[in-house]
Amino acid sequence: MHNIAEGFDAETNPEFIRFLRFSKRSATEVQSQLYVALDQGYISQEQFDDTYEHARLVRAKEGAFIHYLSNNRKP
């Protein structure tokens, strides 16, 4: 969320896209951390599955938004 806000304030699509990519990578990092949490017994398989899917959807939406902005470039 913070990466998206910071990128939005940049006021250019290329800079916004850059920060959206940071945010997308952060969602991937969350997915990785979920494996650790599951392996350590901090979360259940159901919690893992639900949260992993949520992160996957966020990544997909960010990817679609990046694609949109890339095809509608404005200075």
PDB file of N, CA and C in Angstrom:
ATOM      1  N   MET A   1       0.817  -1.180   0.000  1.00  0.00           N
ATOM      2  CA  MET A   1       0.000   0.000   0.000  1.00  0.00           C
ATOM      3  C   MET A   1       0.869   1.255   0.000  1.00  0.00           C
ATOM      4  N   HIS A   2       1.933   1.258   0.772  1.00  0.00           N
ATOM      5  CA  HIS A   2       2.790   2.433   0.850  1.00  0.00           C
ATOM      6  C   HIS A   2       3.541   2.665  -0.458  1.00  0.00           C
ATOM      7  N   ASN A   3       3.971   1.606  -1.101  1.00  0.00           N
ATOM      8  CA  ASN A   3       4.638   1.761  -2.395  1.00  0.00           C
ATOM      9  C   ASN A   3       3.689   2.361  -3.424  1.00  0.00           C
ATOM     10  N   ILE A   4       2.457   1.916  -3.418  1.00  0.00           N
ATOM     11  CA  ILE A   4       1.467   2.438  -4.370  1.00  0.00           C
ATOM     12  C   ILE A   4       1.224   3.923  -4.098  1.00  0.00           C
ATOM     13  N   ALA A   5       1.067   4.298  -2.846  1.00  0.00           N
ATOM     14  CA  ALA A   5       0.841   5.707  -2.500  1.00  0.00           C
ATOM     15  C   ALA A   5       2.036   6.561  -2.911  1.00  0.00           C
ATOM     16  N   GLU A   6       3.221   6.078  -2.639  1.00  0.00           N
ATOM     17  CA  GLU A   6       4.424   6.834  -2.998  1.00  0.00           C
ATOM     18  C   GLU A   6       4.545   6.988  -4.514  1.00  0.00           C
ATOM     19  N   GLY A   7       4.254   5.936  -5.253  1.00  0.00           N
ATOM     20  CA  GLY A   7       4.313   6.005  -6.709  1.00  0.00           C
ATOM     21  C   GLY A   7       3.254   6.917  -7.287  1.00  0.00           C
ATOM     22  N   PHE A   8       2.067   6.902  -6.717  1.00  0.00           N
ATOM     23  CA  PHE A   8       0.988   7.766  -7.182  1.00  0.00           C
ATOM     24  C   PHE A   8       1.382   9.226  -7.061  1.00  0.00           C
ATOM     25  N   ASP A   9       2.092   9.555  -6.003  1.00  0.00           N
ATOM     26  CA  ASP A   9       2.518  10.932  -5.774  1.00  0.00           C
ATOM     27  C   ASP A   9       3.588  11.388  -6.765  1.00  0.00           C
ATOM     28  N   ALA A  10       4.202  10.459  -7.483  1.00  0.00           N
ATOM     29  CA  ALA A  10       5.247  10.814  -8.450  1.00  0.00           C
ATOM     30  C   ALA A  10       4.686  11.569  -9.644  1.00  0.00           C
ATOM     31  N   GLU A  11       3.404  11.391  -9.923  1.00  0.00           N
ATOM     32  CA  GLU A  11       2.683  12.142 -10.942  1.00  0.00           C
ATOM     33  C   GLU A  11       3.062  11.808 -12.384  1.00  0.00           C
ATOM     34  N   THR A  12       3.810  10.743 -12.606  1.00  0.00           N
ATOM     35  CA  THR A  12       4.068  10.278 -13.972  1.00  0.00           C
ATOM     36  C   THR A  12       3.808   8.779 -14.029  1.00  0.00           C
ATOM     37  N   ASN A  13       3.302   8.309 -15.149  1.00  0.00           N
ATOM     38  CA  ASN A  13       3.030   6.874 -15.275  1.00  0.00           C
ATOM     39  C   ASN A  13       4.285   6.022 -15.139  1.00  0.00           C
ATOM     40  N   PRO A  14       5.408   6.388 -15.792  1.00  0.00           N
ATOM     41  CA  PRO A  14       6.595   5.538 -15.632  1.00  0.00           C
ATOM     42  C   PRO A  14       7.045   5.396 -14.174  1.00  0.00           C
ATOM     43  N   GLU A  15       6.989   6.484 -13.427  1.00  0.00           N
ATOM     44  CA  GLU A  15       7.393   6.410 -12.019  1.00  0.00           C
ATOM     45  C   GLU A  15       6.366   5.633 -11.201  1.00  0.00           C
ATOM     46  N   PHE A  16       5.095   5.814 -11.496  1.00  0.00           N
ATOM     47  CA  PHE A  16       4.041   5.071 -10.808  1.00  0.00           C
ATOM     48  C   PHE A  16       4.209   3.578 -11.080  1.00  0.00           C
ATOM     49  N   ILE A  17       4.475   3.222 -12.326  1.00  0.00           N
ATOM     50  CA  ILE A  17       4.691   1.820 -12.694  1.00  0.00           C
ATOM     51  C   ILE A  17       5.853   1.238 -11.906  1.00  0.00           C
ATOM     52  N   ARG A  18       6.912   2.014 -11.755  1.00  0.00           N
ATOM     53  CA  ARG A  18       8.087   1.556 -11.001  1.00  0.00           C
ATOM     54  C   ARG A  18       7.684   1.160  -9.576  1.00  0.00           C
ATOM     55  N   PHE A  19       6.880   1.997  -8.932  1.00  0.00           N
ATOM     56  CA  PHE A  19       6.478   1.705  -7.563  1.00  0.00           C
ATOM     57  C   PHE A  19       5.442   0.588  -7.497  1.00  0.00           C
ATOM     58  N   LEU A  20       4.605   0.474  -8.514  1.00  0.00           N
ATOM     59  CA  LEU A  20       3.677  -0.659  -8.569  1.00  0.00           C
ATOM     60  C   LEU A  20       4.452  -1.971  -8.651  1.00  0.00           C
ATOM     61  N   ARG A  21       5.538  -1.968  -9.384  1.00  0.00           N
ATOM     62  CA  ARG A  21       6.376  -3.175  -9.467  1.00  0.00           C
ATOM     63  C   ARG A  21       6.998  -3.509  -8.115  1.00  0.00           C
ATOM     64  N   PHE A  22       7.396  -2.478  -7.365  1.00  0.00           N
ATOM     65  CA  PHE A  22       7.889  -2.723  -6.002  1.00  0.00           C
ATOM     66  C   PHE A  22       6.800  -3.391  -5.173  1.00  0.00           C
ATOM     67  N   SER A  23       5.590  -2.872  -5.275  1.00  0.00           N
ATOM     68  CA  SER A  23       4.469  -3.415  -4.514  1.00  0.00           C
ATOM     69  C   SER A  23       4.172  -4.851  -4.918  1.00  0.00           C
ATOM     70  N   LYS A  24       4.234  -5.118  -6.212  1.00  0.00           N
ATOM     71  CA  LYS A  24       3.993  -6.479  -6.708  1.00  0.00           C
ATOM     72  C   LYS A  24       5.034  -7.442  -6.144  1.00  0.00           C
ATOM     73  N   ARG A  25       6.282  -6.999  -6.113  1.00  0.00           N
ATOM     74  CA  ARG A  25       7.335  -7.854  -5.537  1.00  0.00           C
ATOM     75  C   ARG A  25       7.127  -8.057  -4.041  1.00  0.00           C
ATOM     76  N   SER A  26       6.584  -7.051  -3.367  1.00  0.00           N
ATOM     77  CA  SER A  26       6.292  -7.201  -1.937  1.00  0.00           C
ATOM     78  C   SER A  26       5.219  -8.258  -1.707  1.00  0.00           C
ATOM     79  N   ALA A  27       4.238  -8.332  -2.601  1.00  0.00           N
ATOM     80  CA  ALA A  27       3.213  -9.377  -2.487  1.00  0.00           C
ATOM     81  C   ALA A  27       3.836 -10.759  -2.670  1.00  0.00           C
ATOM     82  N   THR A  28       4.802 -10.857  -3.576  1.00  0.00           N
ATOM     83  CA  THR A  28       5.522 -12.118  -3.758  1.00  0.00           C
ATOM     84  C   THR A  28       6.304 -12.467  -2.497  1.00  0.00           C
ATOM     85  N   GLU A  29       6.874 -11.461  -1.869  1.00  0.00           N
ATOM     86  CA  GLU A  29       7.608 -11.672  -0.623  1.00  0.00           C
ATOM     87  C   GLU A  29       6.672 -12.190   0.473  1.00  0.00           C
ATOM     88  N   VAL A  30       5.474 -11.656   0.536  1.00  0.00           N
ATOM     89  CA  VAL A  30       4.479 -12.139   1.502  1.00  0.00           C
ATOM     90  C   VAL A  30       4.186 -13.611   1.244  1.00  0.00           C
ATOM     91  N   GLN A  31       4.023 -13.985  -0.021  1.00  0.00           N
ATOM     92  CA  GLN A  31       3.769 -15.390  -0.351  1.00  0.00           C
ATOM     93  C   GLN A  31       4.919 -16.273   0.151  1.00  0.00           C
ATOM     94  N   SER A  32       6.136 -15.804  -0.014  1.00  0.00           N
ATOM     95  CA  SER A  32       7.286 -16.561   0.465  1.00  0.00           C
ATOM     96  C   SER A  32       7.270 -16.686   1.989  1.00  0.00           C
ATOM     97  N   GLN A  33       6.944 -15.605   2.656  1.00  0.00           N
ATOM     98  CA  GLN A  33       6.903 -15.619   4.115  1.00  0.00           C
ATOM     99  C   GLN A  33       5.798 -16.526   4.640  1.00  0.00           C
ATOM    100  N   LEU A  34       4.751 -16.683   3.861  1.00  0.00           N
ATOM    101  CA  LEU A  34       3.670 -17.590   4.255  1.00  0.00           C
ATOM    102  C   LEU A  34       4.161 -19.030   4.365  1.00  0.00           C
ATOM    103  N   TYR A  35       5.059 -19.423   3.464  1.00  0.00           N
ATOM    104  CA  TYR A  35       5.618 -20.774   3.540  1.00  0.00           C
ATOM    105  C   TYR A  35       6.370 -20.971   4.856  1.00  0.00           C
ATOM    106  N   VAL A  36       7.121 -19.957   5.253  1.00  0.00           N
ATOM    107  CA  VAL A  36       7.849 -20.047   6.525  1.00  0.00           C
ATOM    108  C   VAL A  36       6.861 -20.165   7.675  1.00  0.00           C
ATOM    109  N   ALA A  37       5.828 -19.319   7.663  1.00  0.00           N
ATOM    110  CA  ALA A  37       4.832 -19.349   8.740  1.00  0.00           C
ATOM    111  C   ALA A  37       4.133 -20.704   8.816  1.00  0.00           C
ATOM    112  N   LEU A  38       3.834 -21.281   7.655  1.00  0.00           N
ATOM    113  CA  LEU A  38       3.199 -22.600   7.635  1.00  0.00           C
ATOM    114  C   LEU A  38       4.155 -23.671   8.154  1.00  0.00           C
ATOM    115  N   ASP A  39       5.382 -23.650   7.672  1.00  0.00           N
ATOM    116  CA  ASP A  39       6.374 -24.645   8.093  1.00  0.00           C
ATOM    117  C   ASP A  39       6.659 -24.583   9.592  1.00  0.00           C
ATOM    118  N   GLN A  40       6.598 -23.385  10.153  1.00  0.00           N
ATOM    119  CA  GLN A  40       6.870 -23.223  11.588  1.00  0.00           C
ATOM    120  C   GLN A  40       5.629 -23.463  12.452  1.00  0.00           C
ATOM    121  N   GLY A  41       4.497 -23.705  11.809  1.00  0.00           N
ATOM    122  CA  GLY A  41       3.272 -23.973  12.545  1.00  0.00           C
ATOM    123  C   GLY A  41       2.572 -22.737  13.080  1.00  0.00           C
ATOM    124  N   TYR A  42       2.943 -21.558  12.575  1.00  0.00           N
ATOM    125  CA  TYR A  42       2.313 -20.322  13.033  1.00  0.00           C
ATOM    126  C   TYR A  42       0.914 -20.136  12.449  1.00  0.00           C
ATOM    127  N   ILE A  43       0.672 -20.738  11.284  1.00  0.00           N
ATOM    128  CA  ILE A  43      -0.628 -20.628  10.625  1.00  0.00           C
ATOM    129  C   ILE A  43      -1.065 -22.010  10.159  1.00  0.00           C
ATOM    130  N   SER A  44      -2.359 -22.155   9.968  1.00  0.00           N
ATOM    131  CA  SER A  44      -2.905 -23.424   9.471  1.00  0.00           C
ATOM    132  C   SER A  44      -2.824 -23.463   7.947  1.00  0.00           C
ATOM    133  N   GLN A  45      -3.065 -24.632   7.394  1.00  0.00           N
ATOM    134  CA  GLN A  45      -3.090 -24.766   5.940  1.00  0.00           C
ATOM    135  C   GLN A  45      -4.194 -23.897   5.342  1.00  0.00           C
ATOM    136  N   GLU A  46      -5.331 -23.830   6.022  1.00  0.00           N
ATOM    137  CA  GLU A  46      -6.438 -23.005   5.533  1.00  0.00           C
ATOM    138  C   GLU A  46      -6.057 -21.526   5.525  1.00  0.00           C
ATOM    139  N   GLN A  47      -5.406 -21.072   6.592  1.00  0.00           N
ATOM    140  CA  GLN A  47      -4.955 -19.679   6.637  1.00  0.00           C
ATOM    141  C   GLN A  47      -3.934 -19.407   5.533  1.00  0.00           C
ATOM    142  N   PHE A  48      -3.025 -20.366   5.348  1.00  0.00           N
ATOM    143  CA  PHE A  48      -2.031 -20.236   4.281  1.00  0.00           C
ATOM    144  C   PHE A  48      -2.722 -20.104   2.933  1.00  0.00           C
ATOM    145  N   ASP A  49      -3.627 -21.028   2.645  1.00  0.00           N
ATOM    146  CA  ASP A  49      -4.299 -21.044   1.339  1.00  0.00           C
ATOM    147  C   ASP A  49      -5.065 -19.745   1.092  1.00  0.00           C
ATOM    148  N   ASP A  50      -5.803 -19.292   2.089  1.00  0.00           N
ATOM    149  CA  ASP A  50      -6.598 -18.067   1.933  1.00  0.00           C
ATOM    150  C   ASP A  50      -5.705 -16.845   1.701  1.00  0.00           C
ATOM    151  N   THR A  51      -4.677 -16.721   2.502  1.00  0.00           N
ATOM    152  CA  THR A  51      -3.810 -15.551   2.405  1.00  0.00           C
ATOM    153  C   THR A  51      -2.957 -15.603   1.146  1.00  0.00           C
ATOM    154  N   TYR A  52      -2.485 -16.778   0.789  1.00  0.00           N
ATOM    155  CA  TYR A  52      -1.694 -16.925  -0.436  1.00  0.00           C
ATOM    156  C   TYR A  52      -2.533 -16.534  -1.648  1.00  0.00           C
ATOM    157  N   GLU A  53      -3.793 -16.973  -1.676  1.00  0.00           N
ATOM    158  CA  GLU A  53      -4.684 -16.632  -2.782  1.00  0.00           C
ATOM    159  C   GLU A  53      -4.959 -15.133  -2.827  1.00  0.00           C
ATOM    160  N   HIS A  54      -5.115 -14.539  -1.674  1.00  0.00           N
ATOM    161  CA  HIS A  54      -5.329 -13.091  -1.628  1.00  0.00           C
ATOM    162  C   HIS A  54      -4.119 -12.360  -2.213  1.00  0.00           C
ATOM    163  N   ALA A  55      -2.922 -12.770  -1.830  1.00  0.00           N
ATOM    164  CA  ALA A  55      -1.701 -12.158  -2.374  1.00  0.00           C
ATOM    165  C   ALA A  55      -1.606 -12.397  -3.879  1.00  0.00           C
ATOM    166  N   ARG A  56      -2.020 -13.563  -4.339  1.00  0.00           N
ATOM    167  CA  ARG A  56      -1.991 -13.856  -5.768  1.00  0.00           C
ATOM    168  C   ARG A  56      -2.925 -12.922  -6.532  1.00  0.00           C
ATOM    169  N   LEU A  57      -4.108 -12.696  -5.975  1.00  0.00           N
ATOM    170  CA  LEU A  57      -5.058 -11.787  -6.611  1.00  0.00           C
ATOM    171  C   LEU A  57      -4.537 -10.355  -6.635  1.00  0.00           C
ATOM    172  N   VAL A  58      -3.909  -9.932  -5.560  1.00  0.00           N
ATOM    173  CA  VAL A  58      -3.315  -8.593  -5.515  1.00  0.00           C
ATOM    174  C   VAL A  58      -2.245  -8.466  -6.595  1.00  0.00           C
ATOM    175  N   ARG A  59      -1.385  -9.460  -6.706  1.00  0.00           N
ATOM    176  CA  ARG A  59      -0.338  -9.444  -7.738  1.00  0.00           C
ATOM    177  C   ARG A  59      -0.953  -9.377  -9.136  1.00  0.00           C
ATOM    178  N   ALA A  60      -2.009 -10.128  -9.363  1.00  0.00           N
ATOM    179  CA  ALA A  60      -2.657 -10.133 -10.676  1.00  0.00           C
ATOM    180  C   ALA A  60      -3.260  -8.765 -10.998  1.00  0.00           C
ATOM    181  N   LYS A  61      -3.895  -8.154 -10.016  1.00  0.00           N
ATOM    182  CA  LYS A  61      -4.487  -6.833 -10.234  1.00  0.00           C
ATOM    183  C   LYS A  61      -3.415  -5.776 -10.453  1.00  0.00           C
ATOM    184  N   GLU A  62      -2.339  -5.875  -9.703  1.00  0.00           N
ATOM    185  CA  GLU A  62      -1.237  -4.934  -9.915  1.00  0.00           C
ATOM    186  C   GLU A  62      -0.639  -5.123 -11.305  1.00  0.00           C
ATOM    187  N   GLY A  63      -0.481  -6.359 -11.719  1.00  0.00           N
ATOM    188  CA  GLY A  63       0.038  -6.638 -13.059  1.00  0.00           C
ATOM    189  C   GLY A  63      -0.857  -6.077 -14.144  1.00  0.00           C
ATOM    190  N   ALA A  64      -2.165  -6.221 -13.970  1.00  0.00           N
ATOM    191  CA  ALA A  64      -3.110  -5.684 -14.944  1.00  0.00           C
ATOM    192  C   ALA A  64      -3.053  -4.158 -14.961  1.00  0.00           C
ATOM    193  N   PHE A  65      -2.909  -3.541 -13.799  1.00  0.00           N
ATOM    194  CA  PHE A  65      -2.823  -2.083 -13.732  1.00  0.00           C
ATOM    195  C   PHE A  65      -1.530  -1.589 -14.383  1.00  0.00           C
ATOM    196  N   ILE A  66      -0.436  -2.293 -14.141  1.00  0.00           N
ATOM    197  CA  ILE A  66       0.837  -1.951 -14.784  1.00  0.00           C
ATOM    198  C   ILE A  66       0.686  -2.041 -16.298  1.00  0.00           C
ATOM    199  N   HIS A  67       0.053  -3.085 -16.767  1.00  0.00           N
ATOM    200  CA  HIS A  67      -0.172  -3.260 -18.207  1.00  0.00           C
ATOM    201  C   HIS A  67      -1.002  -2.100 -18.755  1.00  0.00           C
ATOM    202  N   TYR A  68      -2.063  -1.749 -18.051  1.00  0.00           N
ATOM    203  CA  TYR A  68      -2.916  -0.635 -18.470  1.00  0.00           C
ATOM    204  C   TYR A  68      -2.115   0.660 -18.573  1.00  0.00           C
ATOM    205  N   LEU A  69      -1.363   0.984 -17.513  1.00  0.00           N
ATOM    206  CA  LEU A  69      -0.597   2.217 -17.510  1.00  0.00           C
ATOM    207  C   LEU A  69       0.490   2.213 -18.592  1.00  0.00           C
ATOM    208  N   SER A  70       1.072   1.059 -18.838  1.00  0.00           N
ATOM    209  CA  SER A  70       2.115   0.947 -19.872  1.00  0.00           C
ATOM    210  C   SER A  70       1.561   1.224 -21.257  1.00  0.00           C
ATOM    211  N   ASN A  71       0.307   0.874 -21.473  1.00  0.00           N
ATOM    212  CA  ASN A  71      -0.316   1.074 -22.781  1.00  0.00           C
ATOM    213  C   ASN A  71      -1.015   2.414 -22.912  1.00  0.00           C
ATOM    214  N   ASN A  72      -1.068   3.167 -21.854  1.00  0.00           N
ATOM    215  CA  ASN A  72      -1.717   4.486 -21.854  1.00  0.00           C
ATOM    216  C   ASN A  72      -0.769   5.516 -21.258  1.00  0.00           C
ATOM    217  N   ARG A  73       0.424   5.551 -21.809  1.00  0.00           N
ATOM    218  CA  ARG A  73       1.459   6.427 -21.255  1.00  0.00           C
ATOM    219  C   ARG A  73       1.110   7.897 -21.435  1.00  0.00           C
ATOM    220  N   LYS A  74       1.290   8.625 -20.356  1.00  0.00           N
ATOM    221  CA  LYS A  74       1.162  10.073 -20.363  1.00  0.00           C
ATOM    222  C   LYS A  74       2.399  10.625 -19.677  1.00  0.00           C
ATOM    223  N   PRO A  75       2.819  11.796 -20.060  1.00  0.00           N
ATOM    224  CA  PRO A  75       4.023  12.357 -19.420  1.00  0.00           C
ATOM    225  C   PRO A  75       3.840  12.600 -17.929  1.00  0.00           C
TER     226      PRO A  75
END
